[in-house]
Amino acid sequence: MPDTYLLASEFLSALDADWQRHISAIGPCLHQPHAARDPYESLVRAIAYQQLHARAGDAIVGRLLALFPASTFPRPEQILATGFDQMRGCGFSASKIATIQGIAQATLDGVVPDYATALAMDDEALIERLISLRGVGRWTVEMLLIYSLERPDILPADDFGVREGYRRLKGLEVQPTRKQMIDIGLAWSPYRTVAAWYLWRVPNR
């Protein structure tokens, strides 16, 4: 989707001088989705990384994968058959273990759709379906939409990095609220995913 990213960069640059300056400084959008990763795997990975720095999340996922050397990623049945202590040994908290087991069971029950089904679903429909799961919030599903399903117009308004990036971009005293962020972001449609990518990269001033 590089052509789309280029169009998005040009669209955002034309909004005002702050966007234009920031995008010129960062350069082309290099967003790298993990295309075709199914929703089950995406959700488990997102839970692993929740409230952690990327390196800590990498380590936990690495230890989980090491339990299943014959698989590229453990299937739901394998997750459900893995003992609590083994999961704890990977670095998961008790609440994350419960969430991941719930995701695995919901996948087997057909609540978590396969990739093809998810691809055909509307953004909000998929969000509503998946936030019914314990421990799965809107942000988690938005990461799935951005990175696995490559949706071009997702703005994770709850994301600290997005709101802090906008605060820095505009030199504001305080971050916008979630509702303010949603309202502000309407001007960035249909390229809100790329807008988020750039906001994650606004430097400290």
N, C-alpha and C. Protein backbone atom coordinates (compact mmCIF):
# COMPACT_ATOMS: atom_id res chain seq x y z
N MET A 1 0.79 -1.22 0.00
CA MET A 1 0.00 0.00 0.00
C MET A 1 0.84 1.29 0.00
N PRO A 2 2.07 1.26 -0.50
CA PRO A 2 2.90 2.48 -0.47
C PRO A 2 2.26 3.66 -1.18
N ASP A 3 1.52 3.41 -2.28
CA ASP A 3 0.86 4.51 -2.99
C ASP A 3 -0.16 5.20 -2.09
N THR A 4 -0.88 4.38 -1.31
CA THR A 4 -1.87 4.92 -0.38
C THR A 4 -1.16 5.76 0.68
N TYR A 5 -0.02 5.27 1.16
CA TYR A 5 0.72 6.02 2.18
C TYR A 5 1.19 7.37 1.63
N LEU A 6 1.60 7.37 0.38
CA LEU A 6 2.05 8.62 -0.24
C LEU A 6 0.88 9.61 -0.35
N LEU A 7 -0.26 9.12 -0.81
CA LEU A 7 -1.45 9.96 -0.89
C LEU A 7 -1.83 10.49 0.49
N ALA A 8 -1.74 9.61 1.50
CA ALA A 8 -2.08 10.00 2.87
C ALA A 8 -1.13 11.08 3.38
N SER A 9 0.16 10.92 3.12
CA SER A 9 1.16 11.91 3.55
C SER A 9 0.89 13.27 2.92
N GLU A 10 0.57 13.26 1.63
CA GLU A 10 0.28 14.51 0.92
C GLU A 10 -1.00 15.16 1.47
N PHE A 11 -2.00 14.34 1.74
CA PHE A 11 -3.27 14.83 2.28
C PHE A 11 -3.05 15.48 3.64
N LEU A 12 -2.31 14.80 4.52
CA LEU A 12 -2.08 15.31 5.88
C LEU A 12 -1.19 16.55 5.86
N SER A 13 -0.18 16.54 4.97
CA SER A 13 0.73 17.70 4.85
C SER A 13 -0.02 18.97 4.46
N ALA A 14 -1.09 18.78 3.70
CA ALA A 14 -1.86 19.93 3.21
C ALA A 14 -2.80 20.51 4.27
N LEU A 15 -2.92 19.83 5.42
CA LEU A 15 -3.86 20.29 6.45
C LEU A 15 -3.41 21.60 7.08
N ASP A 16 -2.13 21.67 7.48
CA ASP A 16 -1.61 22.90 8.08
C ASP A 16 -0.09 22.82 8.17
N ALA A 17 0.52 23.91 8.62
CA ALA A 17 1.98 24.01 8.65
C ALA A 17 2.61 23.02 9.63
N ASP A 18 1.93 22.72 10.74
CA ASP A 18 2.48 21.78 11.73
C ASP A 18 2.61 20.38 11.13
N TRP A 19 1.55 19.92 10.48
CA TRP A 19 1.59 18.61 9.83
C TRP A 19 2.65 18.59 8.72
N GLN A 20 2.67 19.65 7.95
CA GLN A 20 3.61 19.72 6.82
C GLN A 20 5.06 19.62 7.31
N ARG A 21 5.37 20.36 8.37
CA ARG A 21 6.73 20.38 8.93
C ARG A 21 7.10 19.00 9.50
N HIS A 22 6.16 18.42 10.25
CA HIS A 22 6.44 17.13 10.89
C HIS A 22 6.64 16.02 9.85
N ILE A 23 5.76 15.96 8.86
CA ILE A 23 5.86 14.92 7.84
C ILE A 23 7.14 15.09 7.01
N SER A 24 7.51 16.33 6.74
CA SER A 24 8.78 16.58 6.02
C SER A 24 9.96 16.08 6.83
N ALA A 25 9.90 16.28 8.16
CA ALA A 25 11.01 15.86 9.03
C ALA A 25 11.11 14.33 9.14
N ILE A 26 9.95 13.65 9.21
CA ILE A 26 9.93 12.19 9.38
C ILE A 26 10.19 11.48 8.06
N GLY A 27 9.65 12.03 6.97
CA GLY A 27 9.80 11.38 5.67
C GLY A 27 8.62 10.47 5.37
N PRO A 28 8.76 9.60 4.37
CA PRO A 28 7.63 8.76 3.94
C PRO A 28 7.13 7.85 5.06
N CYS A 29 5.84 7.54 5.01
CA CYS A 29 5.25 6.60 5.97
C CYS A 29 5.78 5.19 5.68
N LEU A 30 6.33 4.56 6.72
CA LEU A 30 6.90 3.21 6.57
C LEU A 30 6.12 2.21 7.43
N HIS A 31 4.83 2.45 7.56
CA HIS A 31 3.97 1.54 8.32
C HIS A 31 4.12 0.12 7.79
N GLN A 32 4.34 -0.83 8.72
CA GLN A 32 4.56 -2.22 8.31
C GLN A 32 3.54 -3.15 8.96
N PRO A 33 2.42 -3.38 8.28
CA PRO A 33 1.43 -4.30 8.83
C PRO A 33 1.91 -5.75 8.75
N HIS A 34 1.27 -6.60 9.55
CA HIS A 34 1.56 -8.05 9.52
C HIS A 34 0.40 -8.69 8.77
N ALA A 35 0.36 -8.47 7.48
CA ALA A 35 -0.79 -8.89 6.68
C ALA A 35 -1.10 -10.36 6.85
N ALA A 36 -2.39 -10.66 6.87
CA ALA A 36 -2.91 -12.03 6.89
C ALA A 36 -2.68 -12.76 8.20
N ARG A 37 -2.24 -12.06 9.24
CA ARG A 37 -2.16 -12.69 10.57
C ARG A 37 -3.60 -12.80 11.09
N ASP A 38 -4.03 -13.99 11.48
CA ASP A 38 -5.45 -14.12 11.82
C ASP A 38 -5.79 -13.43 13.14
N PRO A 39 -7.07 -13.10 13.32
CA PRO A 39 -7.46 -12.33 14.50
C PRO A 39 -7.08 -12.99 15.82
N TYR A 40 -7.17 -14.31 15.90
CA TYR A 40 -6.78 -15.01 17.13
C TYR A 40 -5.33 -14.70 17.50
N GLU A 41 -4.43 -14.89 16.54
CA GLU A 41 -3.01 -14.63 16.81
C GLU A 41 -2.77 -13.16 17.13
N SER A 42 -3.42 -12.28 16.38
CA SER A 42 -3.26 -10.84 16.60
C SER A 42 -3.69 -10.43 18.00
N LEU A 43 -4.81 -10.98 18.46
CA LEU A 43 -5.32 -10.65 19.79
C LEU A 43 -4.38 -11.16 20.87
N VAL A 44 -3.92 -12.40 20.73
CA VAL A 44 -3.00 -12.96 21.74
C VAL A 44 -1.72 -12.12 21.82
N ARG A 45 -1.18 -11.76 20.66
CA ARG A 45 0.03 -10.93 20.65
C ARG A 45 -0.23 -9.56 21.26
N ALA A 46 -1.38 -8.96 20.94
CA ALA A 46 -1.70 -7.64 21.48
C ALA A 46 -1.81 -7.68 22.99
N ILE A 47 -2.42 -8.75 23.53
CA ILE A 47 -2.54 -8.88 24.99
C ILE A 47 -1.15 -9.03 25.61
N ALA A 48 -0.28 -9.77 24.95
CA ALA A 48 1.09 -9.95 25.46
C ALA A 48 1.81 -8.61 25.60
N TYR A 49 1.56 -7.70 24.66
CA TYR A 49 2.27 -6.42 24.65
C TYR A 49 1.58 -5.32 25.47
N GLN A 50 0.35 -5.59 25.92
CA GLN A 50 -0.41 -4.57 26.65
C GLN A 50 0.39 -4.04 27.84
N GLN A 51 0.49 -2.71 27.94
CA GLN A 51 1.11 -2.02 29.08
C GLN A 51 2.57 -2.40 29.29
N LEU A 52 3.24 -2.82 28.21
CA LEU A 52 4.66 -3.18 28.30
C LEU A 52 5.44 -2.48 27.20
N HIS A 53 6.73 -2.28 27.43
CA HIS A 53 7.60 -1.81 26.37
C HIS A 53 7.76 -2.94 25.35
N ALA A 54 8.04 -2.56 24.12
CA ALA A 54 8.12 -3.55 23.03
C ALA A 54 9.09 -4.68 23.34
N ARG A 55 10.23 -4.34 23.95
CA ARG A 55 11.25 -5.37 24.20
C ARG A 55 10.75 -6.42 25.20
N ALA A 56 10.02 -5.95 26.21
CA ALA A 56 9.46 -6.89 27.21
C ALA A 56 8.41 -7.78 26.55
N GLY A 57 7.58 -7.18 25.69
CA GLY A 57 6.58 -7.96 24.96
C GLY A 57 7.22 -8.98 24.04
N ASP A 58 8.28 -8.57 23.36
CA ASP A 58 9.03 -9.48 22.47
C ASP A 58 9.53 -10.70 23.26
N ALA A 59 10.04 -10.45 24.45
CA ALA A 59 10.61 -11.54 25.27
C ALA A 59 9.52 -12.52 25.69
N ILE A 60 8.37 -12.00 26.09
CA ILE A 60 7.26 -12.86 26.54
C ILE A 60 6.75 -13.71 25.38
N VAL A 61 6.53 -13.07 24.22
CA VAL A 61 6.06 -13.81 23.04
C VAL A 61 7.11 -14.85 22.63
N GLY A 62 8.37 -14.48 22.71
CA GLY A 62 9.45 -15.41 22.37
C GLY A 62 9.42 -16.65 23.25
N ARG A 63 9.19 -16.46 24.55
CA ARG A 63 9.12 -17.61 25.47
C ARG A 63 7.89 -18.46 25.20
N LEU A 64 6.77 -17.81 24.83
CA LEU A 64 5.56 -18.56 24.49
C LEU A 64 5.81 -19.42 23.25
N LEU A 65 6.40 -18.84 22.21
CA LEU A 65 6.67 -19.58 20.98
C LEU A 65 7.63 -20.75 21.23
N ALA A 66 8.56 -20.56 22.17
CA ALA A 66 9.54 -21.61 22.47
C ALA A 66 8.89 -22.86 23.08
N LEU A 67 7.69 -22.69 23.66
CA LEU A 67 6.97 -23.85 24.20
C LEU A 67 6.42 -24.74 23.09
N PHE A 68 6.33 -24.18 21.88
CA PHE A 68 5.73 -24.91 20.75
C PHE A 68 6.65 -24.87 19.54
N PRO A 69 7.80 -25.51 19.63
CA PRO A 69 8.80 -25.41 18.55
C PRO A 69 8.32 -25.94 17.20
N ALA A 70 7.31 -26.79 17.21
CA ALA A 70 6.82 -27.36 15.94
C ALA A 70 5.81 -26.44 15.25
N SER A 71 5.38 -25.36 15.92
CA SER A 71 4.38 -24.47 15.35
C SER A 71 4.95 -23.08 15.12
N THR A 72 4.44 -22.37 14.13
CA THR A 72 4.83 -20.96 13.97
C THR A 72 4.16 -20.12 15.04
N PHE A 73 2.94 -20.54 15.46
CA PHE A 73 2.24 -19.89 16.57
C PHE A 73 1.30 -20.92 17.16
N PRO A 74 1.22 -21.00 18.51
CA PRO A 74 0.36 -22.03 19.11
C PRO A 74 -1.11 -21.85 18.74
N ARG A 75 -1.79 -22.95 18.46
CA ARG A 75 -3.21 -22.91 18.14
C ARG A 75 -4.02 -22.80 19.43
N PRO A 76 -5.29 -22.44 19.33
CA PRO A 76 -6.11 -22.29 20.53
C PRO A 76 -6.13 -23.54 21.42
N GLU A 77 -6.19 -24.71 20.78
CA GLU A 77 -6.21 -25.96 21.54
C GLU A 77 -4.94 -26.10 22.38
N GLN A 78 -3.81 -25.70 21.80
CA GLN A 78 -2.53 -25.80 22.51
C GLN A 78 -2.48 -24.83 23.69
N ILE A 79 -3.00 -23.63 23.47
CA ILE A 79 -3.03 -22.64 24.56
C ILE A 79 -3.86 -23.17 25.73
N LEU A 80 -5.03 -23.73 25.42
CA LEU A 80 -5.91 -24.24 26.47
C LEU A 80 -5.33 -25.44 27.20
N ALA A 81 -4.45 -26.16 26.53
CA ALA A 81 -3.83 -27.34 27.15
C ALA A 81 -2.56 -27.00 27.92
N THR A 82 -2.15 -25.73 27.87
CA THR A 82 -0.92 -25.30 28.54
C THR A 82 -1.24 -24.91 29.99
N GLY A 83 -0.45 -25.44 30.91
CA GLY A 83 -0.69 -25.18 32.33
C GLY A 83 -0.45 -23.72 32.72
N PHE A 84 -1.12 -23.30 33.79
CA PHE A 84 -1.00 -21.93 34.30
C PHE A 84 0.46 -21.59 34.60
N ASP A 85 1.16 -22.52 35.26
CA ASP A 85 2.56 -22.25 35.65
C ASP A 85 3.46 -22.07 34.43
N GLN A 86 3.19 -22.82 33.37
CA GLN A 86 3.97 -22.67 32.14
C GLN A 86 3.75 -21.29 31.53
N MET A 87 2.50 -20.85 31.54
CA MET A 87 2.18 -19.52 31.01
C MET A 87 2.80 -18.42 31.87
N ARG A 88 2.74 -18.63 33.18
CA ARG A 88 3.38 -17.67 34.10
C ARG A 88 4.87 -17.61 33.83
N GLY A 89 5.45 -18.76 33.52
CA GLY A 89 6.88 -18.84 33.23
C GLY A 89 7.29 -18.04 32.01
N CYS A 90 6.32 -17.82 31.10
CA CYS A 90 6.59 -16.99 29.92
C CYS A 90 6.64 -15.50 30.28
N GLY A 91 6.00 -15.18 31.43
CA GLY A 91 5.98 -13.78 31.86
C GLY A 91 4.60 -13.15 31.84
N PHE A 92 3.57 -13.96 31.55
CA PHE A 92 2.20 -13.43 31.55
C PHE A 92 1.68 -13.29 32.98
N SER A 93 0.94 -12.22 33.23
CA SER A 93 0.26 -12.05 34.52
C SER A 93 -0.94 -12.99 34.55
N ALA A 94 -1.50 -13.19 35.75
CA ALA A 94 -2.66 -14.06 35.89
C ALA A 94 -3.83 -13.55 35.06
N SER A 95 -4.04 -12.23 35.05
CA SER A 95 -5.18 -11.68 34.29
C SER A 95 -4.96 -11.85 32.79
N LYS A 96 -3.71 -11.70 32.34
CA LYS A 96 -3.45 -11.90 30.90
C LYS A 96 -3.63 -13.36 30.51
N ILE A 97 -3.26 -14.28 31.40
CA ILE A 97 -3.46 -15.71 31.11
C ILE A 97 -4.95 -15.99 30.93
N ALA A 98 -5.77 -15.44 31.84
CA ALA A 98 -7.22 -15.65 31.75
C ALA A 98 -7.77 -15.06 30.44
N THR A 99 -7.26 -13.88 30.06
CA THR A 99 -7.71 -13.25 28.82
C THR A 99 -7.32 -14.09 27.61
N ILE A 100 -6.09 -14.55 27.57
CA ILE A 100 -5.60 -15.34 26.43
C ILE A 100 -6.34 -16.67 26.33
N GLN A 101 -6.60 -17.30 27.48
CA GLN A 101 -7.38 -18.54 27.45
C GLN A 101 -8.80 -18.27 26.95
N GLY A 102 -9.36 -17.13 27.34
CA GLY A 102 -10.69 -16.75 26.87
C GLY A 102 -10.72 -16.52 25.37
N ILE A 103 -9.66 -15.90 24.85
CA ILE A 103 -9.56 -15.68 23.40
C ILE A 103 -9.46 -17.02 22.66
N ALA A 104 -8.66 -17.93 23.22
CA ALA A 104 -8.51 -19.26 22.61
C ALA A 104 -9.85 -19.99 22.57
N GLN A 105 -10.58 -19.96 23.70
CA GLN A 105 -11.89 -20.64 23.75
C GLN A 105 -12.89 -19.99 22.80
N ALA A 106 -12.87 -18.65 22.76
CA ALA A 106 -13.80 -17.92 21.87
C ALA A 106 -13.49 -18.19 20.40
N THR A 107 -12.23 -18.47 20.10
CA THR A 107 -11.86 -18.82 18.72
C THR A 107 -12.46 -20.18 18.36
N LEU A 108 -12.34 -21.13 19.28
CA LEU A 108 -12.91 -22.46 19.04
C LEU A 108 -14.44 -22.40 18.96
N ASP A 109 -15.03 -21.45 19.70
CA ASP A 109 -16.49 -21.30 19.71
C ASP A 109 -17.01 -20.49 18.51
N GLY A 110 -16.09 -19.92 17.72
CA GLY A 110 -16.49 -19.16 16.55
C GLY A 110 -16.78 -17.69 16.81
N VAL A 111 -16.55 -17.24 18.05
CA VAL A 111 -16.77 -15.82 18.36
C VAL A 111 -15.66 -14.97 17.73
N VAL A 112 -14.41 -15.43 17.85
CA VAL A 112 -13.28 -14.76 17.17
C VAL A 112 -13.27 -15.30 15.74
N PRO A 113 -13.50 -14.45 14.75
CA PRO A 113 -13.61 -14.94 13.37
C PRO A 113 -12.26 -15.30 12.77
N ASP A 114 -12.29 -16.10 11.71
CA ASP A 114 -11.06 -16.36 10.98
C ASP A 114 -10.71 -15.13 10.13
N TYR A 115 -9.56 -15.18 9.48
CA TYR A 115 -9.07 -14.01 8.76
C TYR A 115 -10.03 -13.56 7.66
N ALA A 116 -10.51 -14.50 6.87
CA ALA A 116 -11.39 -14.14 5.74
C ALA A 116 -12.68 -13.50 6.23
N THR A 117 -13.24 -14.01 7.31
CA THR A 117 -14.48 -13.45 7.86
C THR A 117 -14.22 -12.04 8.40
N ALA A 118 -13.11 -11.89 9.14
CA ALA A 118 -12.77 -10.58 9.71
C ALA A 118 -12.55 -9.55 8.61
N LEU A 119 -11.92 -10.00 7.53
CA LEU A 119 -11.62 -9.09 6.41
C LEU A 119 -12.91 -8.53 5.80
N ALA A 120 -13.95 -9.33 5.82
CA ALA A 120 -15.22 -8.91 5.21
C ALA A 120 -16.08 -8.08 6.16
N MET A 121 -15.68 -8.00 7.42
CA MET A 121 -16.49 -7.30 8.42
C MET A 121 -16.17 -5.81 8.47
N ASP A 122 -17.18 -5.02 8.78
CA ASP A 122 -17.03 -3.59 9.00
C ASP A 122 -16.21 -3.35 10.29
N ASP A 123 -15.44 -2.26 10.32
CA ASP A 123 -14.58 -1.95 11.48
C ASP A 123 -15.35 -2.04 12.79
N GLU A 124 -16.45 -1.27 12.88
CA GLU A 124 -17.19 -1.19 14.14
C GLU A 124 -17.84 -2.52 14.51
N ALA A 125 -18.28 -3.27 13.51
CA ALA A 125 -18.90 -4.58 13.79
C ALA A 125 -17.88 -5.52 14.42
N LEU A 126 -16.66 -5.49 13.91
CA LEU A 126 -15.61 -6.35 14.46
C LEU A 126 -15.23 -5.90 15.87
N ILE A 127 -15.12 -4.58 16.06
CA ILE A 127 -14.81 -4.06 17.39
C ILE A 127 -15.87 -4.49 18.40
N GLU A 128 -17.14 -4.30 18.06
CA GLU A 128 -18.24 -4.66 18.98
C GLU A 128 -18.22 -6.15 19.31
N ARG A 129 -17.91 -6.97 18.33
CA ARG A 129 -17.90 -8.42 18.54
C ARG A 129 -16.77 -8.83 19.48
N LEU A 130 -15.61 -8.24 19.31
CA LEU A 130 -14.44 -8.70 20.06
C LEU A 130 -14.29 -8.07 21.44
N ILE A 131 -14.84 -6.87 21.64
CA ILE A 131 -14.73 -6.28 22.98
C ILE A 131 -15.67 -6.95 23.98
N SER A 132 -16.49 -7.90 23.48
CA SER A 132 -17.31 -8.69 24.40
C SER A 132 -16.45 -9.69 25.18
N LEU A 133 -15.23 -9.92 24.71
CA LEU A 133 -14.33 -10.87 25.38
C LEU A 133 -13.67 -10.21 26.59
N ARG A 134 -13.51 -10.98 27.65
CA ARG A 134 -12.85 -10.48 28.85
C ARG A 134 -11.44 -9.97 28.52
N GLY A 135 -11.11 -8.78 28.99
CA GLY A 135 -9.76 -8.24 28.85
C GLY A 135 -9.42 -7.68 27.48
N VAL A 136 -10.38 -7.74 26.54
CA VAL A 136 -10.14 -7.21 25.20
C VAL A 136 -10.87 -5.87 25.06
N GLY A 137 -10.11 -4.80 24.97
CA GLY A 137 -10.69 -3.47 24.83
C GLY A 137 -10.63 -2.98 23.40
N ARG A 138 -11.19 -1.82 23.21
CA ARG A 138 -11.25 -1.23 21.87
C ARG A 138 -9.85 -1.07 21.26
N TRP A 139 -8.88 -0.62 22.07
CA TRP A 139 -7.52 -0.40 21.58
C TRP A 139 -6.93 -1.69 20.99
N THR A 140 -7.15 -2.80 21.70
CA THR A 140 -6.61 -4.09 21.25
C THR A 140 -7.15 -4.45 19.87
N VAL A 141 -8.45 -4.24 19.67
CA VAL A 141 -9.06 -4.56 18.37
C VAL A 141 -8.58 -3.57 17.30
N GLU A 142 -8.39 -2.32 17.70
CA GLU A 142 -7.88 -1.33 16.74
C GLU A 142 -6.48 -1.71 16.25
N MET A 143 -5.65 -2.27 17.13
CA MET A 143 -4.32 -2.73 16.69
C MET A 143 -4.45 -3.86 15.68
N LEU A 144 -5.42 -4.74 15.90
CA LEU A 144 -5.70 -5.82 14.94
C LEU A 144 -6.11 -5.23 13.58
N LEU A 145 -7.00 -4.24 13.63
CA LEU A 145 -7.46 -3.61 12.39
C LEU A 145 -6.32 -2.93 11.63
N ILE A 146 -5.43 -2.27 12.38
CA ILE A 146 -4.32 -1.55 11.75
C ILE A 146 -3.26 -2.50 11.21
N TYR A 147 -2.85 -3.47 12.05
CA TYR A 147 -1.68 -4.28 11.68
C TYR A 147 -1.99 -5.57 10.94
N SER A 148 -3.14 -6.18 11.21
CA SER A 148 -3.44 -7.46 10.54
C SER A 148 -4.36 -7.29 9.34
N LEU A 149 -5.36 -6.42 9.50
CA LEU A 149 -6.35 -6.27 8.42
C LEU A 149 -6.04 -5.08 7.52
N GLU A 150 -4.99 -4.32 7.88
CA GLU A 150 -4.50 -3.20 7.04
C GLU A 150 -5.59 -2.17 6.74
N ARG A 151 -6.43 -1.86 7.72
CA ARG A 151 -7.46 -0.87 7.52
C ARG A 151 -6.82 0.52 7.50
N PRO A 152 -7.16 1.36 6.52
CA PRO A 152 -6.46 2.62 6.33
C PRO A 152 -6.97 3.79 7.17
N ASP A 153 -8.13 3.60 7.83
CA ASP A 153 -8.77 4.77 8.45
C ASP A 153 -9.12 4.53 9.92
N ILE A 154 -8.14 4.02 10.68
CA ILE A 154 -8.33 3.72 12.10
C ILE A 154 -7.55 4.72 12.95
N LEU A 155 -8.24 5.38 13.87
CA LEU A 155 -7.57 6.28 14.81
C LEU A 155 -7.77 5.74 16.23
N PRO A 156 -6.71 5.18 16.85
CA PRO A 156 -6.86 4.70 18.22
C PRO A 156 -6.85 5.88 19.20
N ALA A 157 -8.04 6.44 19.44
CA ALA A 157 -8.16 7.68 20.21
C ALA A 157 -7.82 7.49 21.70
N ASP A 158 -7.82 6.23 22.17
CA ASP A 158 -7.43 5.96 23.56
C ASP A 158 -5.91 5.87 23.72
N ASP A 159 -5.20 5.78 22.63
CA ASP A 159 -3.76 5.51 22.66
C ASP A 159 -2.99 6.72 23.21
N PHE A 160 -2.19 6.48 24.25
CA PHE A 160 -1.42 7.56 24.87
C PHE A 160 -0.49 8.22 23.85
N GLY A 161 0.17 7.40 23.03
CA GLY A 161 1.13 7.93 22.07
C GLY A 161 0.48 8.82 21.02
N VAL A 162 -0.73 8.47 20.61
CA VAL A 162 -1.46 9.29 19.63
C VAL A 162 -1.82 10.64 20.25
N ARG A 163 -2.38 10.60 21.45
CA ARG A 163 -2.83 11.85 22.09
C ARG A 163 -1.64 12.73 22.49
N GLU A 164 -0.57 12.06 22.98
CA GLU A 164 0.63 12.83 23.36
C GLU A 164 1.31 13.39 22.11
N GLY A 165 1.30 12.60 21.02
CA GLY A 165 1.88 13.08 19.77
C GLY A 165 1.16 14.32 19.26
N TYR A 166 -0.16 14.30 19.36
CA TYR A 166 -0.92 15.47 18.91
C TYR A 166 -0.64 16.68 19.82
N ARG A 167 -0.54 16.42 21.13
CA ARG A 167 -0.23 17.52 22.06
C ARG A 167 1.09 18.17 21.68
N ARG A 168 2.09 17.35 21.39
CA ARG A 168 3.41 17.88 21.01
C ARG A 168 3.36 18.58 19.66
N LEU A 169 2.66 17.95 18.71
CA LEU A 169 2.56 18.52 17.36
C LEU A 169 2.02 19.95 17.42
N LYS A 170 1.04 20.15 18.29
CA LYS A 170 0.36 21.44 18.36
C LYS A 170 0.85 22.33 19.50
N GLY A 171 1.82 21.82 20.29
CA GLY A 171 2.34 22.61 21.39
C GLY A 171 1.30 22.91 22.46
N LEU A 172 0.42 21.94 22.73
CA LEU A 172 -0.65 22.15 23.71
C LEU A 172 -0.15 21.89 25.13
N GLU A 173 -0.83 22.46 26.10
CA GLU A 173 -0.48 22.24 27.52
C GLU A 173 -0.89 20.85 27.98
N VAL A 174 -2.06 20.41 27.55
CA VAL A 174 -2.57 19.10 27.97
C VAL A 174 -3.01 18.30 26.75
N GLN A 175 -3.01 16.98 26.92
CA GLN A 175 -3.48 16.10 25.84
C GLN A 175 -4.98 16.29 25.61
N PRO A 176 -5.42 16.14 24.37
CA PRO A 176 -6.87 16.11 24.13
C PRO A 176 -7.47 14.86 24.78
N THR A 177 -8.73 14.95 25.14
CA THR A 177 -9.43 13.78 25.66
C THR A 177 -9.71 12.82 24.50
N ARG A 178 -10.19 11.64 24.84
CA ARG A 178 -10.56 10.66 23.80
C ARG A 178 -11.59 11.27 22.84
N LYS A 179 -12.64 11.91 23.42
CA LYS A 179 -13.69 12.48 22.58
C LYS A 179 -13.15 13.60 21.70
N GLN A 180 -12.31 14.46 22.27
CA GLN A 180 -11.70 15.54 21.49
C GLN A 180 -10.84 14.96 20.36
N MET A 181 -10.11 13.88 20.68
CA MET A 181 -9.23 13.25 19.68
C MET A 181 -10.06 12.70 18.52
N ILE A 182 -11.19 12.08 18.84
CA ILE A 182 -12.07 11.56 17.79
C ILE A 182 -12.56 12.70 16.89
N ASP A 183 -13.00 13.79 17.53
CA ASP A 183 -13.52 14.93 16.76
C ASP A 183 -12.43 15.56 15.89
N ILE A 184 -11.25 15.76 16.47
CA ILE A 184 -10.12 16.34 15.72
C ILE A 184 -9.74 15.44 14.54
N GLY A 185 -9.75 14.12 14.81
CA GLY A 185 -9.32 13.16 13.81
C GLY A 185 -10.23 13.02 12.61
N LEU A 186 -11.46 13.53 12.71
CA LEU A 186 -12.38 13.46 11.57
C LEU A 186 -11.78 14.15 10.35
N ALA A 187 -10.98 15.18 10.58
CA ALA A 187 -10.35 15.91 9.47
C ALA A 187 -9.28 15.09 8.77
N TRP A 188 -8.84 13.99 9.39
CA TRP A 188 -7.76 13.17 8.81
C TRP A 188 -8.29 11.99 8.00
N SER A 189 -9.60 11.77 8.07
CA SER A 189 -10.21 10.68 7.31
C SER A 189 -10.11 11.00 5.80
N PRO A 190 -9.83 10.02 4.94
CA PRO A 190 -9.83 8.56 5.16
C PRO A 190 -8.44 7.97 5.43
N TYR A 191 -7.57 8.75 6.07
CA TYR A 191 -6.18 8.29 6.26
C TYR A 191 -5.76 8.33 7.74
N ARG A 192 -6.70 7.99 8.64
CA ARG A 192 -6.40 8.13 10.06
C ARG A 192 -5.34 7.14 10.55
N THR A 193 -5.19 6.01 9.89
CA THR A 193 -4.13 5.06 10.28
C THR A 193 -2.76 5.70 10.07
N VAL A 194 -2.57 6.34 8.93
CA VAL A 194 -1.28 7.00 8.65
C VAL A 194 -1.08 8.20 9.58
N ALA A 195 -2.16 8.91 9.88
CA ALA A 195 -2.06 10.02 10.84
C ALA A 195 -1.55 9.50 12.19
N ALA A 196 -2.10 8.37 12.64
CA ALA A 196 -1.64 7.77 13.92
C ALA A 196 -0.16 7.40 13.82
N TRP A 197 0.24 6.83 12.69
CA TRP A 197 1.65 6.44 12.50
C TRP A 197 2.56 7.66 12.68
N TYR A 198 2.18 8.78 12.10
CA TYR A 198 2.99 9.99 12.24
C TYR A 198 2.92 10.55 13.65
N LEU A 199 1.76 10.50 14.29
CA LEU A 199 1.65 11.03 15.65
C LEU A 199 2.49 10.22 16.63
N TRP A 200 2.64 8.93 16.39
CA TRP A 200 3.51 8.10 17.24
C TRP A 200 4.97 8.52 17.15
N ARG A 201 5.29 9.34 16.15
CA ARG A 201 6.69 9.71 15.90
C ARG A 201 6.97 11.21 16.10
N VAL A 202 6.08 11.90 16.79
CA VAL A 202 6.34 13.32 17.06
C VAL A 202 7.38 13.40 18.18
N PRO A 203 8.51 14.10 17.94
CA PRO A 203 9.55 14.16 18.98
C PRO A 203 9.17 15.10 20.12
N ASN A 204 9.86 14.91 21.24
CA ASN A 204 9.71 15.84 22.37
C ASN A 204 10.24 17.20 21.97
N ARG A 205 9.53 18.24 22.34
CA ARG A 205 10.04 19.60 22.03
C ARG A 205 10.64 20.21 23.26
